[in-house]
Amino acid sequence: MSHDHRPHPDHSSSRAPARMPHRSMLFIPASNAAMMSTAYIYGADAVMFDLEDGVALREKDSARLIAFHTLRSKLYAGVETVVRINPLDTPFGPADLEAAVRAGADVIRLPKTETAQDILELEERVAQIETECGRAPGSTRLMAAIESASGVVNAVAIATATPRLTSIALAGFDYVVDMRTTRGDGSELFYARCAVLHAARYAGISAYDVVFSNVDDEAGFLAEVEVIKRLGFDGKSLINPRQIDLLHNAYAPTQAELDRAHLVIDAADRAAREGLGVVSLGGKMIDAPIVEAARRTVRYADASGVRR
């Protein structure tokens, strides 16, 4: 299978479902039937049914069946559903993909993505399954998980491989192993975070940061959230529902930020109604990125209120 790689940067940010926040993606092992039947109640922006590392080899087939029936049950209506399949060159990956696409998963997450070709091959398989099962062409979105030095180096090519790719996620554990280091104060991830984030912004897609595995270290979790929020990540992968509210609150605007955002949007709307090419507020010019940032602030407030 061979493809010419043609980049598809989309600076309109229209590839991702950009009007919804992507702050939290909660991992659920698909082998855990109890969690699969209840995890939608926790309020994560996305729930990821894991068929890969979170599932023992002896449970791969049963986990796939549980994921299929959970997706078909519509329990997660209104919640973005992501399925992390096994790599396509394993005995499980193709069957995982077949089940996830046929069951109606919103997003397929490809682990250990190292090149744009990995995504193009996934896209081709997804398109074929969509055709066979009668699903609308292009309705299955893709997510690339970057877990190695090779993936980080190729992040721009991966992020721009196809318009179907609407998000990219950095996975810390495998990455630090590949880099012959360990998780520490975050400096070990700094380059990878910046590279993946720049690739996502260039492509106009969402970017998720790594999981924070110590669920009892609330202060450490919030400190890491502050770092990735300042860098510009949309959100974070999570392994425990207790981290959802902490994360959403950290991303929520303050009341002052929300009030300012409403003023900016009102000024922009007024200028549009009056046919003015220039938006000003309090005697200062306001450009389009500031207006878009204000609209994003309101969306985040709509999702979880103002910061407590």
Foldseek 3Di string as FASTA:
>chain_A
DDDDFDFAADLVLPLAVVLAFQAEEEEDALLPLVCLLPVLVLQHQEYEHELPPVDDPVCNVVSLVSLLVSLQVCSNPVHQYEYEAEAPPDPTRLVSLLSCLLSPHQEYEYEQDQALVSVVVSLVSSQVSCVVNVNPGLRYAYEYEHQAPSCLVRLLSNLRRDSSHAEYEYEDPSHCVNVVHDDDLCPSCVSSLLSNVVSCNRRSHAYAYYEDPPPVCLVSVLVVLVVSVVSPHSHYYYHDSVCRVVRLLSVAAAPVLLVVLVQQLVQVVVCVVVVHPWGDDPRHTDDDVSNVVSSVNVSSCVSPNHHD
